[in-house]
Amino acid sequence: FVFHFAGVNRPKNAFEFMKENYGFTKKLLDKLKKQHNKC
């Protein structure tokens, strides 16, 4: 099971919201898919 809380809410620059919140979520899902983990 994955509890996904990681992210930023007070970055120095606004563009970091998408980079960190969306970007890390995509990375996480890519890793799960690569491992064929359907948890």
Full PDB file with SEQRES, HELIX, SHEET, SSBOND, CRYST1, ORIGX, SCALE, CONECT and MASTER records, all heavy atoms in Angstrom:
SEQRES   1 A   39  PHE VAL PHE HIS PHE ALA GLY VAL ASN ARG PRO LYS ASN          
SEQRES   2 A   39  ALA PHE GLU PHE MET LYS GLU ASN TYR GLY PHE THR LYS          
SEQRES   3 A   39  LYS LEU LEU ASP LYS LEU LYS LYS GLN HIS ASN LYS CYS          
HELIX    1 AA1 PHE A   15  PHE A   17  1                                   3    
HELIX    2 AA2 MET A   18  TYR A   22  3                                   5    
HELIX    3 AA3 GLY A   23  LYS A   34  1                                  12    
CRYST1    1.000    1.000    1.000  90.00  90.00  90.00 P 1           1          
ORIGX1      1.000000  0.000000  0.000000        0.00000                         
ORIGX2      0.000000  1.000000  0.000000        0.00000                         
ORIGX3      0.000000  0.000000  1.000000        0.00000                         
SCALE1      1.000000  0.000000  0.000000        0.00000                         
SCALE2      0.000000  1.000000  0.000000        0.00000                         
SCALE3      0.000000  0.000000  1.000000        0.00000                         
ATOM      1  N   PHE A   1       0.864  -1.178   0.000  1.00  0.00           N  
ATOM      2  CA  PHE A   1       0.000   0.000   0.000  1.00  0.00           C  
ATOM      3  C   PHE A   1       0.900   1.227   0.000  1.00  0.00           C  
ATOM      4  O   PHE A   1       1.972   1.218   0.610  1.00  0.00           O  
ATOM      5  CB  PHE A   1      -0.903   0.013   1.239  1.00  0.00           C  
ATOM      6  CG  PHE A   1      -2.072   0.951   1.149  1.00  0.00           C  
ATOM      7  CD1 PHE A   1      -3.331   0.471   0.856  1.00  0.00           C  
ATOM      8  CD2 PHE A   1      -1.918   2.324   1.361  1.00  0.00           C  
ATOM      9  CE1 PHE A   1      -4.431   1.333   0.771  1.00  0.00           C  
ATOM     10  CE2 PHE A   1      -2.992   3.187   1.276  1.00  0.00           C  
ATOM     11  CZ  PHE A   1      -4.254   2.687   0.980  1.00  0.00           C  
ATOM     12  N   VAL A   2       0.449   2.297  -0.673  1.00  0.00           N  
ATOM     13  CA  VAL A   2       1.203   3.551  -0.707  1.00  0.00           C  
ATOM     14  C   VAL A   2       0.346   4.674  -0.138  1.00  0.00           C  
ATOM     15  O   VAL A   2      -0.777   4.915  -0.612  1.00  0.00           O  
ATOM     16  CB  VAL A   2       1.641   3.926  -2.131  1.00  0.00           C  
ATOM     17  CG1 VAL A   2       2.354   5.284  -2.134  1.00  0.00           C  
ATOM     18  CG2 VAL A   2       2.553   2.864  -2.717  1.00  0.00           C  
ATOM     19  N   PHE A   3       0.877   5.337   0.888  1.00  0.00           N  
ATOM     20  CA  PHE A   3       0.303   6.585   1.377  1.00  0.00           C  
ATOM     21  C   PHE A   3       1.184   7.703   0.833  1.00  0.00           C  
ATOM     22  O   PHE A   3       2.345   7.838   1.232  1.00  0.00           O  
ATOM     23  CB  PHE A   3       0.288   6.628   2.903  1.00  0.00           C  
ATOM     24  CG  PHE A   3      -0.707   5.693   3.535  1.00  0.00           C  
ATOM     25  CD1 PHE A   3      -0.289   4.496   4.103  1.00  0.00           C  
ATOM     26  CD2 PHE A   3      -2.057   6.011   3.577  1.00  0.00           C  
ATOM     27  CE1 PHE A   3      -1.197   3.632   4.701  1.00  0.00           C  
ATOM     28  CE2 PHE A   3      -2.972   5.156   4.167  1.00  0.00           C  
ATOM     29  CZ  PHE A   3      -2.545   3.960   4.727  1.00  0.00           C  
ATOM     30  N   HIS A   4       0.622   8.509  -0.058  1.00  0.00           N  
ATOM     31  CA  HIS A   4       1.423   9.513  -0.756  1.00  0.00           C  
ATOM     32  C   HIS A   4       1.112  10.912  -0.227  1.00  0.00           C  
ATOM     33  O   HIS A   4       0.116  11.524  -0.583  1.00  0.00           O  
ATOM     34  CB  HIS A   4       1.141   9.430  -2.252  1.00  0.00           C  
ATOM     35  CG  HIS A   4       1.906  10.416  -3.086  1.00  0.00           C  
ATOM     36  ND1 HIS A   4       3.147  10.903  -2.717  1.00  0.00           N  
ATOM     37  CD2 HIS A   4       1.605  11.017  -4.274  1.00  0.00           C  
ATOM     38  CE1 HIS A   4       3.569  11.759  -3.634  1.00  0.00           C  
ATOM     39  NE2 HIS A   4       2.650  11.844  -4.581  1.00  0.00           N  
ATOM     40  N   PHE A   5       2.007  11.413   0.653  1.00  0.00           N  
ATOM     41  CA  PHE A   5       1.862  12.745   1.236  1.00  0.00           C  
ATOM     42  C   PHE A   5       2.927  13.722   0.737  1.00  0.00           C  
ATOM     43  O   PHE A   5       2.808  14.921   0.977  1.00  0.00           O  
ATOM     44  CB  PHE A   5       1.970  12.672   2.766  1.00  0.00           C  
ATOM     45  CG  PHE A   5       0.912  11.836   3.429  1.00  0.00           C  
ATOM     46  CD1 PHE A   5       1.242  10.616   4.004  1.00  0.00           C  
ATOM     47  CD2 PHE A   5      -0.402  12.253   3.474  1.00  0.00           C  
ATOM     48  CE1 PHE A   5       0.277   9.840   4.615  1.00  0.00           C  
ATOM     49  CE2 PHE A   5      -1.372  11.484   4.085  1.00  0.00           C  
ATOM     50  CZ  PHE A   5      -1.041  10.273   4.660  1.00  0.00           C  
ATOM     51  N   ALA A   6       3.969  13.229   0.101  1.00  0.00           N  
ATOM     52  CA  ALA A   6       5.098  14.089  -0.262  1.00  0.00           C  
ATOM     53  C   ALA A   6       4.649  15.201  -1.202  1.00  0.00           C  
ATOM     54  O   ALA A   6       3.842  14.995  -2.103  1.00  0.00           O  
ATOM     55  CB  ALA A   6       6.200  13.249  -0.906  1.00  0.00           C  
ATOM     56  N   GLY A   7       5.183  16.381  -0.979  1.00  0.00           N  
ATOM     57  CA  GLY A   7       4.878  17.519  -1.836  1.00  0.00           C  
ATOM     58  C   GLY A   7       5.388  18.802  -1.210  1.00  0.00           C  
ATOM     59  O   GLY A   7       5.982  18.794  -0.128  1.00  0.00           O  
ATOM     60  N   VAL A   8       5.174  19.897  -1.908  1.00  0.00           N  
ATOM     61  CA  VAL A   8       5.563  21.214  -1.388  1.00  0.00           C  
ATOM     62  C   VAL A   8       4.339  22.119  -1.376  1.00  0.00           C  
ATOM     63  O   VAL A   8       3.450  21.995  -2.208  1.00  0.00           O  
ATOM     64  CB  VAL A   8       6.680  21.861  -2.239  1.00  0.00           C  
ATOM     65  CG1 VAL A   8       7.945  21.027  -2.194  1.00  0.00           C  
ATOM     66  CG2 VAL A   8       6.222  22.067  -3.684  1.00  0.00           C  
ATOM     67  N   ASN A   9       4.290  23.009  -0.395  1.00  0.00           N  
ATOM     68  CA  ASN A   9       3.216  24.005  -0.386  1.00  0.00           C  
ATOM     69  C   ASN A   9       3.713  25.420  -0.125  1.00  0.00           C  
ATOM     70  O   ASN A   9       2.928  26.361  -0.160  1.00  0.00           O  
ATOM     71  CB  ASN A   9       2.128  23.641   0.636  1.00  0.00           C  
ATOM     72  CG  ASN A   9       2.696  23.247   1.975  1.00  0.00           C  
ATOM     73  OD1 ASN A   9       3.741  23.753   2.385  1.00  0.00           O  
ATOM     74  ND2 ASN A   9       2.028  22.326   2.652  1.00  0.00           N  
ATOM     75  N   ARG A  10       5.031  25.555   0.126  1.00  0.00           N  
ATOM     76  CA  ARG A  10       5.595  26.897   0.306  1.00  0.00           C  
ATOM     77  C   ARG A  10       6.949  26.991  -0.407  1.00  0.00           C  
ATOM     78  O   ARG A  10       7.974  27.281   0.218  1.00  0.00           O  
ATOM     79  CB  ARG A  10       5.771  27.188   1.806  1.00  0.00           C  
ATOM     80  CG  ARG A  10       4.476  27.330   2.597  1.00  0.00           C  
ATOM     81  CD  ARG A  10       3.784  28.650   2.381  1.00  0.00           C  
ATOM     82  NE  ARG A  10       4.563  29.754   2.904  1.00  0.00           N  
ATOM     83  CZ  ARG A  10       4.483  30.189   4.160  1.00  0.00           C  
ATOM     84  NH1 ARG A  10       3.686  29.603   5.033  1.00  0.00           N  
ATOM     85  NH2 ARG A  10       5.198  31.224   4.539  1.00  0.00           N  
ATOM     86  N   PRO A  11       6.971  26.773  -1.743  1.00  0.00           N  
ATOM     87  CA  PRO A  11       8.255  26.839  -2.447  1.00  0.00           C  
ATOM     88  C   PRO A  11       8.686  28.293  -2.672  1.00  0.00           C  
ATOM     89  O   PRO A  11       7.887  29.228  -2.506  1.00  0.00           O  
ATOM     90  CB  PRO A  11       7.948  26.150  -3.775  1.00  0.00           C  
ATOM     91  CG  PRO A  11       6.514  26.482  -4.027  1.00  0.00           C  
ATOM     92  CD  PRO A  11       5.863  26.470  -2.663  1.00  0.00           C  
ATOM     93  N   LYS A  12       9.936  28.453  -3.071  1.00  0.00           N  
ATOM     94  CA  LYS A  12      10.440  29.793  -3.351  1.00  0.00           C  
ATOM     95  C   LYS A  12       9.843  30.336  -4.631  1.00  0.00           C  
ATOM     96  O   LYS A  12       9.611  31.544  -4.770  1.00  0.00           O  
ATOM     97  CB  LYS A  12      11.972  29.766  -3.445  1.00  0.00           C  
ATOM     98  CG  LYS A  12      12.665  29.461  -2.122  1.00  0.00           C  
ATOM     99  CD  LYS A  12      14.177  29.475  -2.282  1.00  0.00           C  
ATOM    100  CE  LYS A  12      14.871  29.185  -0.955  1.00  0.00           C  
ATOM    101  NZ  LYS A  12      16.359  29.169  -1.097  1.00  0.00           N  
ATOM    102  N   ASN A  13       9.619  29.441  -5.607  1.00  0.00           N  
ATOM    103  CA  ASN A  13       9.086  29.855  -6.906  1.00  0.00           C  
ATOM    104  C   ASN A  13       7.825  29.054  -7.226  1.00  0.00           C  
ATOM    105  O   ASN A  13       7.751  27.855  -6.948  1.00  0.00           O  
ATOM    106  CB  ASN A  13      10.124  29.628  -8.010  1.00  0.00           C  
ATOM    107  CG  ASN A  13      11.397  30.416  -7.757  1.00  0.00           C  
ATOM    108  OD1 ASN A  13      11.395  31.639  -7.757  1.00  0.00           O  
ATOM    109  ND2 ASN A  13      12.495  29.700  -7.523  1.00  0.00           N  
ATOM    110  N   ALA A  14       6.838  29.716  -7.850  1.00  0.00           N  
ATOM    111  CA  ALA A  14       5.541  29.088  -8.110  1.00  0.00           C  
ATOM    112  C   ALA A  14       5.656  27.866  -9.013  1.00  0.00           C  
ATOM    113  O   ALA A  14       4.876  26.913  -8.873  1.00  0.00           O  
ATOM    114  CB  ALA A  14       4.589  30.113  -8.721  1.00  0.00           C  
ATOM    115  N   PHE A  15       6.614  27.880  -9.954  1.00  0.00           N  
ATOM    116  CA  PHE A  15       6.726  26.748 -10.882  1.00  0.00           C  
ATOM    117  C   PHE A  15       7.094  25.449 -10.167  1.00  0.00           C  
ATOM    118  O   PHE A  15       6.867  24.351 -10.693  1.00  0.00           O  
ATOM    119  CB  PHE A  15       7.756  27.052 -11.984  1.00  0.00           C  
ATOM    120  CG  PHE A  15       9.194  27.013 -11.530  1.00  0.00           C  
ATOM    121  CD1 PHE A  15       9.917  25.814 -11.513  1.00  0.00           C  
ATOM    122  CD2 PHE A  15       9.833  28.178 -11.125  1.00  0.00           C  
ATOM    123  CE1 PHE A  15      11.237  25.777 -11.100  1.00  0.00           C  
ATOM    124  CE2 PHE A  15      11.153  28.150 -10.707  1.00  0.00           C  
ATOM    125  CZ  PHE A  15      11.850  26.946 -10.683  1.00  0.00           C  
ATOM    126  N   GLU A  16       7.632  25.561  -8.940  1.00  0.00           N  
ATOM    127  CA  GLU A  16       8.021  24.362  -8.197  1.00  0.00           C  
ATOM    128  C   GLU A  16       6.817  23.557  -7.732  1.00  0.00           C  
ATOM    129  O   GLU A  16       6.934  22.363  -7.465  1.00  0.00           O  
ATOM    130  CB  GLU A  16       8.876  24.758  -6.989  1.00  0.00           C  
ATOM    131  CG  GLU A  16      10.240  25.324  -7.355  1.00  0.00           C  
ATOM    132  CD  GLU A  16      11.060  25.672  -6.124  1.00  0.00           C  
ATOM    133  OE1 GLU A  16      11.293  24.759  -5.301  1.00  0.00           O  
ATOM    134  OE2 GLU A  16      11.443  26.846  -5.978  1.00  0.00           O  
ATOM    135  N   PHE A  17       5.636  24.197  -7.624  1.00  0.00           N  
ATOM    136  CA  PHE A  17       4.438  23.448  -7.262  1.00  0.00           C  
ATOM    137  C   PHE A  17       4.228  22.286  -8.216  1.00  0.00           C  
ATOM    138  O   PHE A  17       4.091  21.128  -7.808  1.00  0.00           O  
ATOM    139  CB  PHE A  17       3.207  24.355  -7.293  1.00  0.00           C  
ATOM    140  CG  PHE A  17       3.072  25.266  -6.109  1.00  0.00           C  
ATOM    141  CD1 PHE A  17       2.970  26.640  -6.282  1.00  0.00           C  
ATOM    142  CD2 PHE A  17       3.019  24.762  -4.818  1.00  0.00           C  
ATOM    143  CE1 PHE A  17       2.830  27.482  -5.199  1.00  0.00           C  
ATOM    144  CE2 PHE A  17       2.874  25.598  -3.723  1.00  0.00           C  
ATOM    145  CZ  PHE A  17       2.789  26.968  -3.920  1.00  0.00           C  
ATOM    146  N   MET A  18       4.188  22.610  -9.503  1.00  0.00           N  
ATOM    147  CA  MET A  18       3.926  21.578 -10.503  1.00  0.00           C  
ATOM    148  C   MET A  18       5.106  20.612 -10.602  1.00  0.00           C  
ATOM    149  O   MET A  18       4.920  19.387 -10.690  1.00  0.00           O  
ATOM    150  CB  MET A  18       3.661  22.222 -11.865  1.00  0.00           C  
ATOM    151  CG  MET A  18       3.040  21.269 -12.874  1.00  0.00           C  
ATOM    152  SD  MET A  18       1.372  20.728 -12.430  1.00  0.00           S  
ATOM    153  CE  MET A  18       0.445  22.250 -12.630  1.00  0.00           C  
ATOM    154  N   LYS A  19       6.298  21.143 -10.539  1.00  0.00           N  
ATOM    155  CA  LYS A  19       7.486  20.303 -10.660  1.00  0.00           C  
ATOM    156  C   LYS A  19       7.560  19.274  -9.534  1.00  0.00           C  
ATOM    157  O   LYS A  19       7.826  18.092  -9.779  1.00  0.00           O  
ATOM    158  CB  LYS A  19       8.743  21.180 -10.643  1.00  0.00           C  
ATOM    159  CG  LYS A  19      10.051  20.388 -10.691  1.00  0.00           C  
ATOM    160  CD  LYS A  19      11.249  21.307 -10.572  1.00  0.00           C  
ATOM    161  CE  LYS A  19      12.550  20.516 -10.507  1.00  0.00           C  
ATOM    162  NZ  LYS A  19      13.724  21.408 -10.317  1.00  0.00           N  
ATOM    163  N   GLU A  20       7.311  19.713  -8.334  1.00  0.00           N  
ATOM    164  CA  GLU A  20       7.479  18.818  -7.191  1.00  0.00           C  
ATOM    165  C   GLU A  20       6.230  17.975  -6.922  1.00  0.00           C  
ATOM    166  O   GLU A  20       6.334  16.760  -6.719  1.00  0.00           O  
ATOM    167  CB  GLU A  20       7.838  19.633  -5.942  1.00  0.00           C  
ATOM    168  CG  GLU A  20       9.155  20.384  -6.047  1.00  0.00           C  
ATOM    169  CD  GLU A  20      10.361  19.459  -6.130  1.00  0.00           C  
ATOM    170  OE1 GLU A  20      10.241  18.273  -5.778  1.00  0.00           O  
ATOM    171  OE2 GLU A  20      11.436  19.924  -6.549  1.00  0.00           O  
ATOM    172  N   ASN A  21       5.049  18.591  -6.893  1.00  0.00           N  
ATOM    173  CA  ASN A  21       3.834  17.849  -6.538  1.00  0.00           C  
ATOM    174  C   ASN A  21       3.397  16.900  -7.648  1.00  0.00           C  
ATOM    175  O   ASN A  21       3.214  15.701  -7.423  1.00  0.00           O  
ATOM    176  CB  ASN A  21       2.710  18.826  -6.182  1.00  0.00           C  
ATOM    177  CG  ASN A  21       3.017  19.632  -4.936  1.00  0.00           C  
ATOM    178  OD1 ASN A  21       3.803  19.206  -4.085  1.00  0.00           O  
ATOM    179  ND2 ASN A  21       2.417  20.806  -4.809  1.00  0.00           N  
ATOM    180  N   TYR A  22       3.234  17.442  -8.840  1.00  0.00           N  
ATOM    181  CA  TYR A  22       2.870  16.600  -9.977  1.00  0.00           C  
ATOM    182  C   TYR A  22       4.038  15.710 -10.381  1.00  0.00           C  
ATOM    183  O   TYR A  22       3.876  14.513 -10.640  1.00  0.00           O  
ATOM    184  CB  TYR A  22       2.426  17.476 -11.152  1.00  0.00           C  
ATOM    185  CG  TYR A  22       2.145  16.704 -12.416  1.00  0.00           C  
ATOM    186  CD1 TYR A  22       0.912  16.111 -12.635  1.00  0.00           C  
ATOM    187  CD2 TYR A  22       3.130  16.576 -13.399  1.00  0.00           C  
ATOM    188  CE1 TYR A  22       0.649  15.398 -13.803  1.00  0.00           C  
ATOM    189  CE2 TYR A  22       2.887  15.867 -14.561  1.00  0.00           C  
ATOM    190  CZ  TYR A  22       1.638  15.285 -14.759  1.00  0.00           C  
ATOM    191  OH  TYR A  22       1.404  14.578 -15.911  1.00  0.00           O  
ATOM    192  N   GLY A  23       5.234  16.305 -10.413  1.00  0.00           N  
ATOM    193  CA  GLY A  23       6.411  15.575 -10.886  1.00  0.00           C  
ATOM    194  C   GLY A  23       6.730  14.356 -10.038  1.00  0.00           C  
ATOM    195  O   GLY A  23       7.005  13.273 -10.580  1.00  0.00           O  
ATOM    196  N   PHE A  24       6.689  14.503  -8.710  1.00  0.00           N  
ATOM    197  CA  PHE A  24       7.008  13.357  -7.865  1.00  0.00           C  
ATOM    198  C   PHE A  24       5.901  12.308  -7.920  1.00  0.00           C  
ATOM    199  O   PHE A  24       6.176  11.104  -7.853  1.00  0.00           O  
ATOM    200  CB  PHE A  24       7.244  13.788  -6.416  1.00  0.00           C  
ATOM    201  CG  PHE A  24       7.698  12.656  -5.540  1.00  0.00           C  
ATOM    202  CD1 PHE A  24       8.987  12.156  -5.644  1.00  0.00           C  
ATOM    203  CD2 PHE A  24       6.846  12.071  -4.628  1.00  0.00           C  
ATOM    204  CE1 PHE A  24       9.419  11.096  -4.857  1.00  0.00           C  
ATOM    205  CE2 PHE A  24       7.254  11.015  -3.821  1.00  0.00           C  
ATOM    206  CZ  PHE A  24       8.547  10.528  -3.944  1.00  0.00           C  
ATOM    207  N   THR A  25       4.661  12.749  -8.042  1.00  0.00           N  
ATOM    208  CA  THR A  25       3.560  11.785  -8.184  1.00  0.00           C  
ATOM    209  C   THR A  25       3.759  10.945  -9.442  1.00  0.00           C  
ATOM    210  O   THR A  25       3.576   9.716  -9.424  1.00  0.00           O  
ATOM    211  CB  THR A  25       2.204  12.518  -8.243  1.00  0.00           C  
ATOM    212  OG1 THR A  25       2.027  13.270  -7.037  1.00  0.00           O  
ATOM    213  CG2 THR A  25       1.052  11.534  -8.391  1.00  0.00           C  
ATOM    214  N   LYS A  26       4.132  11.599 -10.542  1.00  0.00           N  
ATOM    215  CA  LYS A  26       4.382  10.857 -11.786  1.00  0.00           C  
ATOM    216  C   LYS A  26       5.542   9.883 -11.624  1.00  0.00           C  
ATOM    217  O   LYS A  26       5.477   8.725 -12.072  1.00  0.00           O  
ATOM    218  CB  LYS A  26       4.677  11.828 -12.933  1.00  0.00           C  
ATOM    219  CG  LYS A  26       4.811  11.145 -14.297  1.00  0.00           C  
ATOM    220  CD  LYS A  26       5.001  12.163 -15.395  1.00  0.00           C  
ATOM    221  CE  LYS A  26       4.995  11.479 -16.759  1.00  0.00           C  
ATOM    222  NZ  LYS A  26       5.955  10.372 -16.896  1.00  0.00           N  
ATOM    223  N   LYS A  27       6.599  10.328 -10.962  1.00  0.00           N  
ATOM    224  CA  LYS A  27       7.744   9.443 -10.739  1.00  0.00           C  
ATOM    225  C   LYS A  27       7.341   8.219  -9.929  1.00  0.00           C  
ATOM    226  O   LYS A  27       7.716   7.085 -10.230  1.00  0.00           O  
ATOM    227  CB  LYS A  27       8.861  10.203 -10.015  1.00  0.00           C  
ATOM    228  CG  LYS A  27      10.082   9.330  -9.706  1.00  0.00           C  
ATOM    229  CD  LYS A  27      11.044  10.015  -8.754  1.00  0.00           C  
ATOM    230  CE  LYS A  27      11.729  11.181  -9.406  1.00  0.00           C  
ATOM    231  NZ  LYS A  27      12.806  11.748  -8.516  1.00  0.00           N  
ATOM    232  N   LEU A  28       6.551   8.446  -8.897  1.00  0.00           N  
ATOM    233  CA  LEU A  28       6.096   7.356  -8.033  1.00  0.00           C  
ATOM    234  C   LEU A  28       5.274   6.345  -8.836  1.00  0.00           C  
ATOM    235  O   LEU A  28       5.500   5.123  -8.744  1.00  0.00           O  
ATOM    236  CB  LEU A  28       5.272   7.927  -6.882  1.00  0.00           C  
ATOM    237  CG  LEU A  28       4.641   6.924  -5.922  1.00  0.00           C  
ATOM    238  CD1 LEU A  28       5.713   6.171  -5.146  1.00  0.00           C  
ATOM    239  CD2 LEU A  28       3.703   7.651  -4.954  1.00  0.00           C  
ATOM    240  N   LEU A  29       4.339   6.841  -9.632  1.00  0.00           N  
ATOM    241  CA  LEU A  29       3.490   5.942 -10.414  1.00  0.00           C  
ATOM    242  C   LEU A  29       4.305   5.199 -11.474  1.00  0.00           C  
ATOM    243  O   LEU A  29       4.055   4.013 -11.747  1.00  0.00           O  
ATOM    244  CB  LEU A  29       2.351   6.727 -11.067  1.00  0.00           C  
ATOM    245  CG  LEU A  29       1.375   7.406 -10.096  1.00  0.00           C  
ATOM    246  CD1 LEU A  29       0.275   8.132 -10.868  1.00  0.00           C  
ATOM    247  CD2 LEU A  29       0.766   6.391  -9.133  1.00  0.00           C  
ATOM    248  N   ASP A  30       5.273   5.864 -12.059  1.00  0.00           N  
ATOM    249  CA  ASP A  30       6.144   5.205 -13.054  1.00  0.00           C  
ATOM    250  C   ASP A  30       6.924   4.061 -12.417  1.00  0.00           C  
ATOM    251  O   ASP A  30       7.090   2.993 -13.019  1.00  0.00           O  
ATOM    252  CB  ASP A  30       7.116   6.217 -13.668  1.00  0.00           C  
ATOM    253  CG  ASP A  30       6.433   7.187 -14.635  1.00  0.00           C  
ATOM    254  OD1 ASP A  30       5.288   6.890 -15.048  1.00  0.00           O  
ATOM    255  OD2 ASP A  30       7.033   8.235 -14.954  1.00  0.00           O  
ATOM    256  N   LYS A  31       7.395   4.280 -11.190  1.00  0.00           N  
ATOM    257  CA  LYS A  31       8.151   3.226 -10.496  1.00  0.00           C  
ATOM    258  C   LYS A  31       7.251   2.037 -10.179  1.00  0.00           C  
ATOM    259  O   LYS A  31       7.652   0.875 -10.336  1.00  0.00           O  
ATOM    260  CB  LYS A  31       8.748   3.776  -9.195  1.00  0.00           C  
ATOM    261  CG  LYS A  31       9.760   4.895  -9.376  1.00  0.00           C  
ATOM    262  CD  LYS A  31      11.019   4.433 -10.055  1.00  0.00           C  
ATOM    263  CE  LYS A  31      12.046   5.568 -10.093  1.00  0.00           C  
ATOM    264  NZ  LYS A  31      13.265   5.174 -10.871  1.00  0.00           N  
ATOM    265  N   LEU A  32       6.034   2.306  -9.717  1.00  0.00           N  
ATOM    266  CA  LEU A  32       5.099   1.214  -9.417  1.00  0.00           C  
ATOM    267  C   LEU A  32       4.755   0.431 -10.679  1.00  0.00           C  
ATOM    268  O   LEU A  32       4.708  -0.814 -10.667  1.00  0.00           O  
ATOM    269  CB  LEU A  32       3.823   1.781  -8.784  1.00  0.00           C  
ATOM    270  CG  LEU A  32       3.961   2.330  -7.363  1.00  0.00           C  
ATOM    271  CD1 LEU A  32       2.733   3.162  -6.987  1.00  0.00           C  
ATOM    272  CD2 LEU A  32       4.143   1.187  -6.352  1.00  0.00           C  
ATOM    273  N   LYS A  33       4.535   1.146 -11.761  1.00  0.00           N  
ATOM    274  CA  LYS A  33       4.193   0.485 -13.023  1.00  0.00           C  
ATOM    275  C   LYS A  33       5.357  -0.361 -13.529  1.00  0.00           C  
ATOM    276  O   LYS A  33       5.169  -1.494 -14.011  1.00  0.00           O  
ATOM    277  CB  LYS A  33       3.807   1.534 -14.064  1.00  0.00           C  
ATOM    278  CG  LYS A  33       3.291   0.946 -15.370  1.00  0.00           C  
ATOM    279  CD  LYS A  33       2.799   2.048 -16.293  1.00  0.00           C  
ATOM    280  CE  LYS A  33       2.253   1.454 -17.598  1.00  0.00           C  
ATOM    281  NZ  LYS A  33       1.734   2.519 -18.487  1.00  0.00           N  
ATOM    282  N   LYS A  34       6.553   0.160 -13.401  1.00  0.00           N  
ATOM    283  CA  LYS A  34       7.737  -0.570 -13.840  1.00  0.00           C  
ATOM    284  C   LYS A  34       7.882  -1.878 -13.076  1.00  0.00           C  
ATOM    285  O   LYS A  34       8.318  -2.898 -13.640  1.00  0.00           O  
ATOM    286  CB  LYS A  34       8.976   0.304 -13.634  1.00  0.00           C  
ATOM    287  CG  LYS A  34      10.279  -0.366 -14.061  1.00  0.00           C  
ATOM    288  CD  LYS A  34      11.455   0.568 -13.830  1.00  0.00           C  
ATOM    289  CE  LYS A  34      12.773  -0.123 -14.199  1.00  0.00           C  
ATOM    290  NZ  LYS A  34      13.948   0.758 -13.951  1.00  0.00           N  
ATOM    291  N   GLN A  35       7.507  -1.848 -11.796  1.00  0.00           N  
ATOM    292  CA  GLN A  35       7.621  -3.047 -10.949  1.00  0.00           C  
ATOM    293  C   GLN A  35       6.368  -3.931 -11.017  1.00  0.00           C  
ATOM    294  O   GLN A  35       6.288  -4.930 -10.304  1.00  0.00           O  
ATOM    295  CB  GLN A  35       7.871  -2.623  -9.489  1.00  0.00           C  
ATOM    296  CG  GLN A  35       9.154  -1.860  -9.266  1.00  0.00           C  
ATOM    297  CD  GLN A  35      10.393  -2.672  -9.596  1.00  0.00           C  
ATOM    298  OE1 GLN A  35      10.378  -3.900  -9.523  1.00  0.00           O  
ATOM    299  NE2 GLN A  35      11.470  -1.994  -9.979  1.00  0.00           N  
ATOM    300  N   HIS A  36       5.409  -3.534 -11.877  1.00  0.00           N  
ATOM    301  CA  HIS A  36       4.148  -4.292 -12.012  1.00  0.00           C  
ATOM    302  C   HIS A  36       3.441  -4.454 -10.667  1.00  0.00           C  
ATOM    303  O   HIS A  36       2.820  -5.485 -10.391  1.00  0.00           O  
ATOM    304  CB  HIS A  36       4.414  -5.679 -12.632  1.00  0.00           C  
ATOM    305  CG  HIS A  36       5.185  -5.628 -13.915  1.00  0.00           C  
ATOM    306  ND1 HIS A  36       4.634  -5.181 -15.091  1.00  0.00           N  
ATOM    307  CD2 HIS A  36       6.484  -5.955 -14.183  1.00  0.00           C  
ATOM    308  CE1 HIS A  36       5.549  -5.237 -16.058  1.00  0.00           C  
ATOM    309  NE2 HIS A  36       6.677  -5.702 -15.538  1.00  0.00           N  
ATOM    310  N   ASN A  37       3.544  -3.403  -9.860  1.00  0.00           N  
ATOM    311  CA  ASN A  37       2.926  -3.422  -8.539  1.00  0.00           C  
ATOM    312  C   ASN A  37       1.580  -2.703  -8.607  1.00  0.00           C  
ATOM    313  O   ASN A  37       1.517  -1.491  -8.810  1.00  0.00           O  
ATOM    314  CB  ASN A  37       3.838  -2.736  -7.511  1.00  0.00           C  
ATOM    315  CG  ASN A  37       3.332  -2.899  -6.086  1.00  0.00           C  
ATOM    316  OD1 ASN A  37       2.166  -3.194  -5.845  1.00  0.00           O  
ATOM    317  ND2 ASN A  37       4.225  -2.696  -5.123  1.00  0.00           N  
ATOM    318  N   LYS A  38       0.502  -3.440  -8.430  1.00  0.00           N  
ATOM    319  CA  LYS A  38      -0.844  -2.880  -8.524  1.00  0.00           C  
ATOM    320  C   LYS A  38      -1.454  -2.649  -7.132  1.00  0.00           C  
ATOM    321  O   LYS A  38      -2.670  -2.786  -6.932  1.00  0.00           O  
ATOM    322  CB  LYS A  38      -1.734  -3.790  -9.354  1.00  0.00           C  
ATOM    323  CG  LYS A  38      -1.298  -3.901 -10.819  1.00  0.00           C  
ATOM    324  CD  LYS A  38      -2.247  -4.770 -11.614  1.00  0.00           C  
ATOM    325  CE  LYS A  38      -1.803  -4.880 -13.063  1.00  0.00           C  
ATOM    326  NZ  LYS A  38      -1.874  -3.565 -13.774  1.00  0.00           N  
ATOM    327  N   CYS A  39      -0.606  -2.287  -6.177  1.00  0.00           N  
ATOM    328  CA  CYS A  39      -1.110  -2.047  -4.820  1.00  0.00           C  
ATOM    329  C   CYS A  39      -1.965  -0.780  -4.782  1.00  0.00           C  
ATOM    330  O   CYS A  39      -1.814   0.114  -5.622  1.00  0.00           O  
ATOM    331  CB  CYS A  39       0.064  -1.918  -3.843  1.00  0.00           C  
ATOM    332  SG  CYS A  39       1.027  -0.403  -4.020  1.00  0.00           S  
TER     333      CYS A  39                                                      
MASTER        0    0    0    3    0    0    0    6  332    1    0    3          
END                                                                             
